[in-house]
Amino acid sequence: MRRWLTAAGLVMALGAGSVACASEKKEEKTFVGAGEVCGDVFAGPLAEMVEKVTGDKLFFAKSPKGMERVVAALKEGYESGRPWAAGDALCLLHPKGAKQTDEGGVKFSMYAPQDVEDEGLPAGHELYTMGVQSSVGRGNATIYFECVTPQLKGSDKTPLRIHGGFGRGESDAPDTREYRNLNMTILHAVSLKLVKELGCENNGGLPKSPVLTPK
């Protein structure tokens, strides 16, 4: 029951924005670097990592409100009482000049307990030791962790179960340990930003620095 990146209705930042003077127009950027694509999600060293694993430098500009949507979706899912919830995409990566099907990014959802009981993985994937469960493949990484937060009543007894996934989309990058570790490093860093927004105790059980150890 593995749920992966699905196209969530993110609005592309296209067109022009009005300014105070009606005679002047300020065009919004259609394409931006990885450090700007979804606000500051991949700001700093992450931007270079994203550009390296995707093989692209420019992406369609996306709404910076992905974090808000993810937090809201996870809280709504938890409060529904259901064992799992679809969550939302935090950031979709669509490179300039790429096919419509070439899209990666980061998504978070709420997973059901049985999702981590079966350690069977797709061909070419391997388990890592970080979180409740984590794994990497040629072009993606996934991580499962739990969040206890004062923002959710009852999470001290039944934690919010979070599943995060990163996919780099189509890329000619080699399938090496370096690139697999980059996939996981990107996902780990964005997951830490999410646990900060949720106020998860002990960083949701995630280390401050990524543990890149195959299981």
N, C-alpha and C. Protein backbone atom coordinates (compact mmCIF):
# COMPACT_ATOMS: atom_id res chain seq x y z
N MET A 1 0.84 -1.19 0.00
CA MET A 1 0.00 0.00 0.00
C MET A 1 0.88 1.25 0.00
N ARG A 2 1.76 1.34 -0.97
CA ARG A 2 2.68 2.47 -1.00
C ARG A 2 2.09 3.56 -1.87
N ARG A 3 2.07 4.74 -1.33
CA ARG A 3 1.50 5.87 -2.06
C ARG A 3 2.62 6.80 -2.45
N TRP A 4 2.66 7.20 -3.71
CA TRP A 4 3.79 7.98 -4.18
C TRP A 4 3.28 9.29 -4.73
N LEU A 5 4.18 10.05 -5.33
CA LEU A 5 3.86 11.38 -5.80
C LEU A 5 2.70 11.34 -6.78
N THR A 6 1.68 12.12 -6.49
CA THR A 6 0.56 12.28 -7.41
C THR A 6 0.45 13.75 -7.75
N ALA A 7 -0.06 14.03 -8.93
CA ALA A 7 -0.17 15.43 -9.34
C ALA A 7 -1.21 16.11 -8.48
N ALA A 8 -0.79 17.02 -7.61
CA ALA A 8 -1.70 17.79 -6.79
C ALA A 8 -1.79 19.17 -7.40
N GLY A 9 -2.97 19.76 -7.42
CA GLY A 9 -3.20 20.98 -8.18
C GLY A 9 -2.42 22.19 -7.74
N LEU A 10 -1.13 22.21 -8.00
CA LEU A 10 -0.32 23.38 -7.71
C LEU A 10 -0.46 24.34 -8.88
N VAL A 11 -0.57 25.61 -8.57
CA VAL A 11 -0.76 26.61 -9.60
C VAL A 11 0.58 27.16 -10.05
N MET A 12 0.86 27.10 -11.34
CA MET A 12 2.11 27.65 -11.86
C MET A 12 2.05 29.17 -11.80
N ALA A 13 3.15 29.76 -11.41
CA ALA A 13 3.22 31.20 -11.31
C ALA A 13 3.57 31.78 -12.67
N LEU A 14 2.56 31.94 -13.51
CA LEU A 14 2.77 32.44 -14.86
C LEU A 14 2.12 33.81 -15.01
N GLY A 15 2.55 34.56 -16.01
CA GLY A 15 1.88 35.79 -16.32
C GLY A 15 2.52 37.01 -15.70
N ALA A 16 1.75 38.08 -15.58
CA ALA A 16 2.30 39.35 -15.08
C ALA A 16 1.52 39.82 -13.88
N GLY A 17 2.17 40.52 -12.99
CA GLY A 17 1.52 41.03 -11.79
C GLY A 17 1.37 42.54 -11.88
N SER A 18 0.26 43.02 -11.37
CA SER A 18 0.00 44.45 -11.40
C SER A 18 0.83 45.15 -10.36
N VAL A 19 1.20 46.38 -10.63
CA VAL A 19 1.90 47.22 -9.68
C VAL A 19 1.07 48.46 -9.44
N ALA A 20 1.56 49.34 -8.55
CA ALA A 20 0.77 50.50 -8.16
C ALA A 20 0.36 51.35 -9.35
N CYS A 21 1.28 51.56 -10.25
CA CYS A 21 0.97 52.37 -11.44
C CYS A 21 0.41 51.46 -12.52
N ALA A 22 -0.79 51.81 -13.01
CA ALA A 22 -1.47 50.95 -13.98
C ALA A 22 -0.69 50.85 -15.29
N SER A 23 0.15 51.82 -15.56
CA SER A 23 0.88 51.81 -16.82
C SER A 23 2.11 50.92 -16.78
N GLU A 24 2.46 50.42 -15.58
CA GLU A 24 3.65 49.59 -15.44
C GLU A 24 3.25 48.16 -15.10
N LYS A 25 3.98 47.22 -15.58
CA LYS A 25 3.73 45.81 -15.31
C LYS A 25 5.01 45.15 -14.83
N LYS A 26 4.88 44.28 -13.84
CA LYS A 26 6.03 43.53 -13.35
C LYS A 26 5.78 42.05 -13.65
N GLU A 27 6.54 41.51 -14.57
CA GLU A 27 6.33 40.12 -14.97
C GLU A 27 6.86 39.17 -13.90
N GLU A 28 6.04 38.22 -13.56
CA GLU A 28 6.47 37.17 -12.64
C GLU A 28 7.34 36.18 -13.40
N LYS A 29 8.26 35.56 -12.70
CA LYS A 29 9.14 34.60 -13.34
C LYS A 29 8.36 33.34 -13.70
N THR A 30 8.57 32.86 -14.92
CA THR A 30 7.97 31.60 -15.35
C THR A 30 8.86 30.42 -14.95
N PHE A 31 10.17 30.62 -15.05
CA PHE A 31 11.12 29.57 -14.69
C PHE A 31 12.09 30.12 -13.65
N VAL A 32 12.43 29.27 -12.70
CA VAL A 32 13.35 29.67 -11.63
C VAL A 32 14.30 28.52 -11.34
N GLY A 33 15.38 28.82 -10.62
CA GLY A 33 16.30 27.79 -10.19
C GLY A 33 15.72 26.98 -9.05
N ALA A 34 16.37 25.89 -8.69
CA ALA A 34 15.85 25.00 -7.64
C ALA A 34 15.70 25.71 -6.31
N GLY A 35 16.52 26.73 -6.04
CA GLY A 35 16.44 27.44 -4.78
C GLY A 35 15.22 28.32 -4.64
N GLU A 36 14.47 28.53 -5.73
CA GLU A 36 13.30 29.39 -5.70
C GLU A 36 12.01 28.68 -6.11
N VAL A 37 12.11 27.45 -6.58
CA VAL A 37 10.98 26.82 -7.26
C VAL A 37 9.70 26.74 -6.42
N CYS A 38 9.81 26.52 -5.15
CA CYS A 38 8.63 26.46 -4.27
C CYS A 38 8.91 27.29 -3.02
N GLY A 39 9.22 28.55 -3.22
CA GLY A 39 9.63 29.36 -2.08
C GLY A 39 11.05 28.97 -1.68
N ASP A 40 11.24 28.67 -0.39
CA ASP A 40 12.58 28.34 0.09
C ASP A 40 12.74 26.86 0.45
N VAL A 41 11.89 26.01 -0.12
CA VAL A 41 11.92 24.58 0.20
C VAL A 41 13.30 23.98 -0.03
N PHE A 42 13.92 24.36 -1.16
CA PHE A 42 15.24 23.81 -1.49
C PHE A 42 16.33 24.88 -1.41
N ALA A 43 16.14 25.86 -0.56
CA ALA A 43 17.11 26.95 -0.46
C ALA A 43 18.45 26.44 0.09
N GLY A 44 19.51 27.17 -0.22
CA GLY A 44 20.84 26.82 0.30
C GLY A 44 21.44 25.65 -0.44
N PRO A 45 22.23 24.82 0.25
CA PRO A 45 22.92 23.69 -0.38
C PRO A 45 21.98 22.70 -1.08
N LEU A 46 20.72 22.64 -0.64
CA LEU A 46 19.77 21.71 -1.26
C LEU A 46 19.55 22.02 -2.74
N ALA A 47 19.59 23.30 -3.09
CA ALA A 47 19.33 23.68 -4.47
C ALA A 47 20.33 23.01 -5.41
N GLU A 48 21.60 23.04 -5.04
CA GLU A 48 22.62 22.42 -5.87
C GLU A 48 22.41 20.91 -5.95
N MET A 49 21.98 20.30 -4.84
CA MET A 49 21.73 18.85 -4.84
C MET A 49 20.58 18.51 -5.78
N VAL A 50 19.50 19.30 -5.73
CA VAL A 50 18.35 19.05 -6.59
C VAL A 50 18.75 19.19 -8.05
N GLU A 51 19.51 20.23 -8.37
CA GLU A 51 19.94 20.43 -9.75
C GLU A 51 20.87 19.30 -10.21
N LYS A 52 21.65 18.75 -9.29
CA LYS A 52 22.57 17.67 -9.64
C LYS A 52 21.83 16.37 -9.94
N VAL A 53 20.87 16.00 -9.08
CA VAL A 53 20.18 14.72 -9.30
C VAL A 53 19.18 14.78 -10.44
N THR A 54 18.61 15.96 -10.69
CA THR A 54 17.65 16.08 -11.79
C THR A 54 18.34 16.33 -13.12
N GLY A 55 19.54 16.93 -13.06
CA GLY A 55 20.23 17.30 -14.28
C GLY A 55 19.67 18.55 -14.92
N ASP A 56 18.88 19.31 -14.17
CA ASP A 56 18.23 20.52 -14.70
C ASP A 56 18.54 21.73 -13.83
N LYS A 57 18.52 22.89 -14.45
CA LYS A 57 18.82 24.13 -13.75
C LYS A 57 17.59 25.03 -13.57
N LEU A 58 16.61 24.89 -14.45
CA LEU A 58 15.43 25.74 -14.40
C LEU A 58 14.16 24.89 -14.32
N PHE A 59 13.21 25.36 -13.51
CA PHE A 59 11.95 24.65 -13.30
C PHE A 59 10.79 25.65 -13.37
N PHE A 60 9.61 25.15 -13.71
CA PHE A 60 8.43 26.01 -13.66
C PHE A 60 8.28 26.55 -12.24
N ALA A 61 8.08 27.84 -12.14
CA ALA A 61 7.87 28.45 -10.82
C ALA A 61 6.57 27.91 -10.23
N LYS A 62 6.62 27.57 -8.94
CA LYS A 62 5.46 27.00 -8.27
C LYS A 62 5.07 27.85 -7.07
N SER A 63 3.86 27.64 -6.60
CA SER A 63 3.37 28.36 -5.43
C SER A 63 4.24 28.06 -4.22
N PRO A 64 4.54 29.07 -3.39
CA PRO A 64 5.35 28.85 -2.19
C PRO A 64 4.54 28.32 -1.02
N LYS A 65 3.28 27.99 -1.24
CA LYS A 65 2.40 27.60 -0.14
C LYS A 65 2.26 26.09 0.02
N GLY A 66 3.18 25.34 -0.58
CA GLY A 66 3.09 23.89 -0.47
C GLY A 66 3.18 23.39 0.96
N MET A 67 4.03 24.01 1.77
CA MET A 67 4.16 23.60 3.17
C MET A 67 2.85 23.79 3.92
N GLU A 68 2.18 24.90 3.67
CA GLU A 68 0.89 25.16 4.32
C GLU A 68 -0.12 24.08 3.96
N ARG A 69 -0.15 23.71 2.68
CA ARG A 69 -1.11 22.69 2.24
C ARG A 69 -0.81 21.34 2.85
N VAL A 70 0.48 20.98 2.92
CA VAL A 70 0.86 19.69 3.49
C VAL A 70 0.49 19.62 4.97
N VAL A 71 0.82 20.66 5.72
CA VAL A 71 0.51 20.69 7.15
C VAL A 71 -1.00 20.57 7.36
N ALA A 72 -1.77 21.32 6.58
CA ALA A 72 -3.23 21.27 6.71
C ALA A 72 -3.77 19.89 6.36
N ALA A 73 -3.23 19.28 5.30
CA ALA A 73 -3.71 17.96 4.87
C ALA A 73 -3.39 16.89 5.91
N LEU A 74 -2.20 16.95 6.50
CA LEU A 74 -1.82 15.96 7.52
C LEU A 74 -2.68 16.12 8.78
N LYS A 75 -2.91 17.35 9.18
CA LYS A 75 -3.75 17.57 10.37
C LYS A 75 -5.17 17.10 10.12
N GLU A 76 -5.69 17.41 8.94
CA GLU A 76 -7.05 16.98 8.61
C GLU A 76 -7.13 15.46 8.57
N GLY A 77 -6.12 14.82 8.00
CA GLY A 77 -6.11 13.37 7.94
C GLY A 77 -6.06 12.74 9.32
N TYR A 78 -5.22 13.29 10.18
CA TYR A 78 -5.11 12.75 11.54
C TYR A 78 -6.42 12.92 12.30
N GLU A 79 -7.00 14.10 12.22
CA GLU A 79 -8.23 14.39 12.96
C GLU A 79 -9.44 13.64 12.43
N SER A 80 -9.34 13.11 11.21
CA SER A 80 -10.45 12.34 10.64
C SER A 80 -10.61 10.98 11.32
N GLY A 81 -9.52 10.50 11.94
CA GLY A 81 -9.58 9.19 12.57
C GLY A 81 -9.30 8.04 11.63
N ARG A 82 -9.09 8.34 10.36
CA ARG A 82 -8.78 7.28 9.40
C ARG A 82 -7.34 6.79 9.61
N PRO A 83 -7.04 5.57 9.19
CA PRO A 83 -5.67 5.06 9.38
C PRO A 83 -4.66 5.69 8.43
N TRP A 84 -5.10 6.26 7.32
CA TRP A 84 -4.18 6.89 6.39
C TRP A 84 -4.89 8.05 5.68
N ALA A 85 -4.11 8.94 5.10
CA ALA A 85 -4.67 10.07 4.35
C ALA A 85 -3.71 10.43 3.22
N ALA A 86 -4.27 10.92 2.12
CA ALA A 86 -3.48 11.16 0.91
C ALA A 86 -2.44 12.26 1.06
N GLY A 87 -2.65 13.20 1.94
CA GLY A 87 -1.68 14.27 2.11
C GLY A 87 -1.68 15.23 0.93
N ASP A 88 -0.50 15.77 0.60
CA ASP A 88 -0.42 16.74 -0.49
C ASP A 88 1.03 16.83 -0.96
N ALA A 89 1.21 17.43 -2.13
CA ALA A 89 2.55 17.66 -2.67
C ALA A 89 3.11 18.94 -2.06
N LEU A 90 4.30 18.86 -1.51
CA LEU A 90 4.94 20.05 -0.97
C LEU A 90 5.56 20.86 -2.09
N CYS A 91 6.14 20.18 -3.07
CA CYS A 91 6.73 20.87 -4.22
C CYS A 91 6.82 19.91 -5.39
N LEU A 92 6.36 20.34 -6.56
CA LEU A 92 6.50 19.57 -7.78
C LEU A 92 7.59 20.19 -8.64
N LEU A 93 8.44 19.35 -9.19
CA LEU A 93 9.56 19.80 -10.00
C LEU A 93 9.29 19.46 -11.47
N HIS A 94 9.02 20.49 -12.26
CA HIS A 94 8.81 20.28 -13.70
C HIS A 94 9.84 21.11 -14.45
N PRO A 95 10.88 20.47 -14.99
CA PRO A 95 11.97 21.20 -15.64
C PRO A 95 11.53 21.96 -16.90
N LYS A 96 12.23 23.03 -17.19
CA LYS A 96 11.99 23.79 -18.41
C LYS A 96 12.30 22.92 -19.62
N GLY A 97 11.38 22.89 -20.58
CA GLY A 97 11.58 22.13 -21.80
C GLY A 97 11.32 20.65 -21.68
N ALA A 98 10.91 20.19 -20.51
CA ALA A 98 10.68 18.75 -20.30
C ALA A 98 9.29 18.34 -20.76
N LYS A 99 9.11 17.05 -20.96
CA LYS A 99 7.79 16.52 -21.28
C LYS A 99 6.87 16.68 -20.08
N GLN A 100 5.58 16.72 -20.33
CA GLN A 100 4.62 16.86 -19.23
C GLN A 100 4.74 15.73 -18.22
N THR A 101 5.17 14.57 -18.68
CA THR A 101 5.29 13.42 -17.78
C THR A 101 6.56 13.46 -16.93
N ASP A 102 7.48 14.36 -17.27
CA ASP A 102 8.73 14.46 -16.52
C ASP A 102 8.53 15.38 -15.33
N GLU A 103 8.15 14.82 -14.22
CA GLU A 103 7.86 15.62 -13.04
C GLU A 103 8.25 14.88 -11.78
N GLY A 104 9.05 15.51 -10.97
CA GLY A 104 9.43 14.94 -9.69
C GLY A 104 8.94 15.84 -8.58
N GLY A 105 9.57 15.74 -7.42
CA GLY A 105 9.18 16.61 -6.32
C GLY A 105 9.12 15.88 -4.99
N VAL A 106 8.48 16.53 -4.03
CA VAL A 106 8.36 15.99 -2.68
C VAL A 106 6.89 15.98 -2.27
N LYS A 107 6.45 14.87 -1.70
CA LYS A 107 5.07 14.72 -1.24
C LYS A 107 5.07 14.10 0.14
N PHE A 108 4.10 14.47 0.96
CA PHE A 108 3.93 13.87 2.28
C PHE A 108 2.48 13.41 2.45
N SER A 109 2.33 12.26 3.08
CA SER A 109 1.00 11.72 3.36
C SER A 109 1.00 11.07 4.74
N MET A 110 -0.16 10.60 5.17
CA MET A 110 -0.25 9.88 6.44
C MET A 110 -0.38 8.39 6.13
N TYR A 111 0.52 7.60 6.67
CA TYR A 111 0.52 6.18 6.32
C TYR A 111 -0.20 5.32 7.38
N ALA A 112 -0.68 4.19 6.93
CA ALA A 112 -1.31 3.22 7.82
C ALA A 112 -0.24 2.34 8.44
N PRO A 113 -0.46 1.81 9.66
CA PRO A 113 0.55 1.00 10.33
C PRO A 113 1.09 -0.15 9.49
N GLN A 114 0.21 -0.80 8.72
CA GLN A 114 0.65 -1.96 7.95
C GLN A 114 1.57 -1.59 6.80
N ASP A 115 1.65 -0.32 6.46
CA ASP A 115 2.51 0.09 5.35
C ASP A 115 3.99 -0.18 5.62
N VAL A 116 4.39 -0.23 6.89
CA VAL A 116 5.79 -0.47 7.21
C VAL A 116 6.03 -1.88 7.75
N GLU A 117 4.99 -2.68 7.81
CA GLU A 117 5.15 -4.03 8.32
C GLU A 117 5.72 -4.96 7.26
N ASP A 118 5.42 -4.66 6.00
CA ASP A 118 5.94 -5.47 4.90
C ASP A 118 7.13 -4.74 4.30
N GLU A 119 8.33 -5.31 4.44
CA GLU A 119 9.53 -4.64 3.96
C GLU A 119 9.84 -4.99 2.51
N GLY A 120 8.88 -5.58 1.81
CA GLY A 120 9.09 -5.85 0.40
C GLY A 120 9.20 -4.55 -0.38
N LEU A 121 10.21 -4.43 -1.21
CA LEU A 121 10.47 -3.20 -1.95
C LEU A 121 10.49 -3.47 -3.44
N PRO A 122 10.23 -2.44 -4.25
CA PRO A 122 10.34 -2.61 -5.71
C PRO A 122 11.77 -2.99 -6.08
N ALA A 123 11.92 -3.61 -7.22
CA ALA A 123 13.26 -4.01 -7.69
C ALA A 123 14.18 -2.80 -7.76
N GLY A 124 15.39 -2.98 -7.27
CA GLY A 124 16.37 -1.91 -7.32
C GLY A 124 16.35 -0.98 -6.14
N HIS A 125 15.43 -1.17 -5.22
CA HIS A 125 15.35 -0.33 -4.03
C HIS A 125 16.03 -1.05 -2.85
N GLU A 126 16.49 -0.27 -1.90
CA GLU A 126 17.11 -0.84 -0.71
C GLU A 126 16.73 -0.04 0.52
N LEU A 127 16.65 -0.74 1.64
CA LEU A 127 16.27 -0.11 2.90
C LEU A 127 17.46 0.63 3.51
N TYR A 128 17.17 1.78 4.12
CA TYR A 128 18.13 2.50 4.92
C TYR A 128 17.65 2.42 6.38
N THR A 129 18.47 2.89 7.30
CA THR A 129 18.15 2.70 8.72
C THR A 129 17.44 3.89 9.36
N MET A 130 17.28 4.98 8.67
CA MET A 130 16.74 6.20 9.28
C MET A 130 15.22 6.15 9.40
N GLY A 131 14.69 6.74 10.50
CA GLY A 131 13.26 6.80 10.70
C GLY A 131 12.67 5.45 11.07
N VAL A 132 11.34 5.38 11.04
CA VAL A 132 10.67 4.10 11.27
C VAL A 132 11.03 3.14 10.14
N GLN A 133 11.09 3.67 8.94
CA GLN A 133 11.54 2.91 7.78
C GLN A 133 11.93 3.91 6.70
N SER A 134 12.97 3.59 5.95
CA SER A 134 13.38 4.46 4.86
C SER A 134 14.00 3.61 3.76
N SER A 135 13.94 4.10 2.54
CA SER A 135 14.50 3.35 1.43
C SER A 135 14.88 4.31 0.30
N VAL A 136 15.77 3.84 -0.56
CA VAL A 136 16.19 4.62 -1.72
C VAL A 136 16.17 3.75 -2.96
N GLY A 137 15.99 4.42 -4.10
CA GLY A 137 16.08 3.76 -5.39
C GLY A 137 16.91 4.62 -6.32
N ARG A 138 16.94 4.26 -7.56
CA ARG A 138 17.73 4.99 -8.54
C ARG A 138 17.35 6.48 -8.58
N GLY A 139 16.07 6.75 -8.55
CA GLY A 139 15.64 8.14 -8.71
C GLY A 139 14.72 8.64 -7.62
N ASN A 140 14.68 7.98 -6.48
CA ASN A 140 13.75 8.43 -5.44
C ASN A 140 14.20 7.99 -4.06
N ALA A 141 13.50 8.49 -3.07
CA ALA A 141 13.73 8.11 -1.68
C ALA A 141 12.41 8.21 -0.92
N THR A 142 12.23 7.37 0.07
CA THR A 142 11.04 7.43 0.91
C THR A 142 11.45 7.32 2.38
N ILE A 143 10.64 7.90 3.24
CA ILE A 143 10.91 7.81 4.67
C ILE A 143 9.59 7.83 5.43
N TYR A 144 9.53 7.01 6.47
CA TYR A 144 8.38 6.95 7.36
C TYR A 144 8.83 7.37 8.75
N PHE A 145 8.08 8.25 9.38
CA PHE A 145 8.42 8.66 10.74
C PHE A 145 7.14 9.07 11.48
N GLU A 146 7.26 9.26 12.79
CA GLU A 146 6.09 9.56 13.63
C GLU A 146 6.27 10.91 14.32
N CYS A 147 5.15 11.61 14.48
CA CYS A 147 5.18 12.95 15.05
C CYS A 147 4.24 13.08 16.24
N VAL A 148 4.81 13.43 17.37
CA VAL A 148 4.04 13.79 18.56
C VAL A 148 4.11 15.31 18.69
N THR A 149 2.98 15.96 18.67
CA THR A 149 2.97 17.42 18.67
C THR A 149 1.80 17.98 19.47
N PRO A 150 2.00 19.08 20.18
CA PRO A 150 0.88 19.72 20.90
C PRO A 150 -0.16 20.28 19.94
N GLN A 151 0.16 20.35 18.66
CA GLN A 151 -0.81 20.84 17.68
C GLN A 151 -1.91 19.82 17.39
N LEU A 152 -1.70 18.56 17.79
CA LEU A 152 -2.69 17.51 17.54
C LEU A 152 -3.03 16.80 18.84
N LYS A 153 -4.24 16.96 19.29
CA LYS A 153 -4.69 16.33 20.52
C LYS A 153 -4.68 14.81 20.37
N GLY A 154 -4.04 14.13 21.31
CA GLY A 154 -4.00 12.68 21.30
C GLY A 154 -2.76 12.11 20.64
N SER A 155 -1.92 12.97 20.04
CA SER A 155 -0.74 12.44 19.35
C SER A 155 0.30 11.90 20.32
N ASP A 156 0.19 12.27 21.60
CA ASP A 156 1.12 11.71 22.58
C ASP A 156 0.86 10.23 22.81
N LYS A 157 -0.37 9.80 22.51
CA LYS A 157 -0.73 8.38 22.63
C LYS A 157 -0.71 7.68 21.27
N THR A 158 -1.19 8.37 20.27
CA THR A 158 -1.19 7.84 18.90
C THR A 158 -0.55 8.88 18.00
N PRO A 159 0.75 8.74 17.73
CA PRO A 159 1.45 9.74 16.92
C PRO A 159 0.90 9.85 15.50
N LEU A 160 1.09 11.01 14.92
CA LEU A 160 0.80 11.21 13.51
C LEU A 160 1.87 10.46 12.71
N ARG A 161 1.44 9.56 11.85
CA ARG A 161 2.37 8.75 11.04
C ARG A 161 2.57 9.44 9.69
N ILE A 162 3.80 9.83 9.40
CA ILE A 162 4.08 10.60 8.19
C ILE A 162 4.95 9.81 7.22
N HIS A 163 4.53 9.80 5.97
CA HIS A 163 5.30 9.17 4.90
C HIS A 163 5.75 10.27 3.95
N GLY A 164 7.05 10.40 3.75
CA GLY A 164 7.56 11.38 2.80
C GLY A 164 8.22 10.70 1.62
N GLY A 165 8.08 11.30 0.46
CA GLY A 165 8.70 10.75 -0.73
C GLY A 165 9.31 11.83 -1.60
N PHE A 166 10.50 11.57 -2.12
CA PHE A 166 11.14 12.46 -3.09
C PHE A 166 11.40 11.69 -4.37
N GLY A 167 11.07 12.31 -5.50
CA GLY A 167 11.37 11.74 -6.81
C GLY A 167 12.05 12.78 -7.67
N ARG A 168 13.08 12.40 -8.40
CA ARG A 168 13.82 13.39 -9.17
C ARG A 168 13.30 13.54 -10.59
N GLY A 169 12.35 12.71 -11.01
CA GLY A 169 11.85 12.76 -12.38
C GLY A 169 12.85 12.11 -13.33
N GLU A 170 12.69 12.35 -14.63
CA GLU A 170 13.59 11.77 -15.61
C GLU A 170 14.97 12.42 -15.49
N SER A 171 16.00 11.60 -15.48
CA SER A 171 17.36 12.12 -15.31
C SER A 171 18.37 11.12 -15.85
N ASP A 172 19.46 11.64 -16.36
CA ASP A 172 20.55 10.79 -16.84
C ASP A 172 21.59 10.55 -15.75
N ALA A 173 21.32 11.00 -14.54
CA ALA A 173 22.27 10.82 -13.45
C ALA A 173 22.50 9.33 -13.21
N PRO A 174 23.72 8.95 -12.88
CA PRO A 174 24.04 7.53 -12.69
C PRO A 174 23.40 6.96 -11.41
N ASP A 175 23.25 5.66 -11.40
CA ASP A 175 22.72 4.98 -10.21
C ASP A 175 23.89 4.56 -9.33
N THR A 176 24.38 5.50 -8.55
CA THR A 176 25.52 5.25 -7.67
C THR A 176 25.13 5.55 -6.23
N ARG A 177 25.98 5.13 -5.29
CA ARG A 177 25.72 5.42 -3.88
C ARG A 177 25.64 6.92 -3.64
N GLU A 178 26.49 7.67 -4.31
CA GLU A 178 26.48 9.13 -4.14
C GLU A 178 25.11 9.71 -4.47
N TYR A 179 24.54 9.29 -5.60
CA TYR A 179 23.26 9.86 -6.03
C TYR A 179 22.10 9.33 -5.20
N ARG A 180 22.18 8.09 -4.78
CA ARG A 180 21.14 7.58 -3.89
C ARG A 180 21.17 8.34 -2.56
N ASN A 181 22.36 8.60 -2.06
CA ASN A 181 22.47 9.37 -0.82
C ASN A 181 21.97 10.80 -0.99
N LEU A 182 22.17 11.37 -2.16
CA LEU A 182 21.66 12.71 -2.41
C LEU A 182 20.13 12.71 -2.38
N ASN A 183 19.51 11.68 -2.98
CA ASN A 183 18.05 11.58 -2.92
C ASN A 183 17.56 11.59 -1.48
N MET A 184 18.21 10.79 -0.64
CA MET A 184 17.79 10.70 0.76
C MET A 184 18.11 11.98 1.53
N THR A 185 19.24 12.59 1.23
CA THR A 185 19.62 13.83 1.91
C THR A 185 18.61 14.93 1.63
N ILE A 186 18.16 15.04 0.40
CA ILE A 186 17.15 16.04 0.04
C ILE A 186 15.86 15.78 0.80
N LEU A 187 15.40 14.54 0.81
CA LEU A 187 14.15 14.22 1.49
C LEU A 187 14.27 14.44 3.00
N HIS A 188 15.39 14.06 3.58
CA HIS A 188 15.59 14.25 5.02
C HIS A 188 15.52 15.73 5.38
N ALA A 189 16.19 16.58 4.60
CA ALA A 189 16.23 18.01 4.89
C ALA A 189 14.84 18.63 4.81
N VAL A 190 14.06 18.27 3.80
CA VAL A 190 12.72 18.81 3.67
C VAL A 190 11.82 18.27 4.77
N SER A 191 12.03 17.01 5.16
CA SER A 191 11.24 16.43 6.26
C SER A 191 11.49 17.18 7.56
N LEU A 192 12.73 17.61 7.80
CA LEU A 192 13.02 18.39 9.00
C LEU A 192 12.28 19.72 8.99
N LYS A 193 12.14 20.31 7.80
CA LYS A 193 11.38 21.56 7.71
C LYS A 193 9.91 21.32 8.04
N LEU A 194 9.39 20.17 7.64
CA LEU A 194 8.01 19.83 7.95
C LEU A 194 7.81 19.61 9.45
N VAL A 195 8.71 18.86 10.09
CA VAL A 195 8.53 18.59 11.52
C VAL A 195 8.63 19.88 12.33
N LYS A 196 9.40 20.83 11.83
CA LYS A 196 9.49 22.13 12.51
C LYS A 196 8.16 22.85 12.43
N GLU A 197 7.51 22.81 11.27
CA GLU A 197 6.20 23.45 11.10
C GLU A 197 5.15 22.78 11.97
N LEU A 198 5.24 21.46 12.09
CA LEU A 198 4.26 20.71 12.89
C LEU A 198 4.58 20.76 14.39
N GLY A 199 5.78 21.18 14.74
CA GLY A 199 6.17 21.20 16.15
C GLY A 199 6.37 19.81 16.72
N CYS A 200 6.86 18.87 15.90
CA CYS A 200 7.05 17.49 16.34
C CYS A 200 8.14 17.41 17.41
N GLU A 201 7.86 16.69 18.47
CA GLU A 201 8.86 16.48 19.52
C GLU A 201 10.02 15.65 18.98
N ASN A 202 11.23 16.00 19.39
CA ASN A 202 12.43 15.24 19.03
C ASN A 202 12.57 15.08 17.52
N ASN A 203 12.16 16.13 16.79
CA ASN A 203 12.27 16.11 15.32
C ASN A 203 11.59 14.91 14.68
N GLY A 204 10.54 14.42 15.32
CA GLY A 204 9.84 13.27 14.75
C GLY A 204 10.70 12.02 14.72
N GLY A 205 11.73 12.01 15.58
CA GLY A 205 12.63 10.85 15.61
C GLY A 205 13.69 10.88 14.52
N LEU A 206 13.75 11.96 13.77
CA LEU A 206 14.75 12.07 12.70
C LEU A 206 16.01 12.75 13.23
N PRO A 207 17.18 12.29 12.81
CA PRO A 207 18.43 12.90 13.26
C PRO A 207 18.61 14.27 12.61
N LYS A 208 19.43 15.12 13.23
CA LYS A 208 19.68 16.45 12.66
C LYS A 208 20.45 16.36 11.36
N SER A 209 21.30 15.36 11.24
CA SER A 209 22.02 15.10 10.00
C SER A 209 21.57 13.75 9.45
N PRO A 210 21.46 13.61 8.13
CA PRO A 210 20.95 12.36 7.58
C PRO A 210 21.86 11.16 7.88
N VAL A 211 21.24 10.04 8.21
CA VAL A 211 21.97 8.79 8.41
C VAL A 211 21.84 7.99 7.12
N LEU A 212 22.91 7.86 6.40
CA LEU A 212 22.88 7.26 5.07
C LEU A 212 23.49 5.86 5.10
N THR A 213 22.85 5.01 5.89
CA THR A 213 23.35 3.66 6.11
C THR A 213 22.39 2.61 5.56
N PRO A 214 22.80 1.83 4.56
CA PRO A 214 21.93 0.75 4.09
C PRO A 214 21.67 -0.25 5.22
N LYS A 215 20.48 -0.80 5.25
CA LYS A 215 20.09 -1.73 6.31
C LYS A 215 20.59 -3.13 6.01
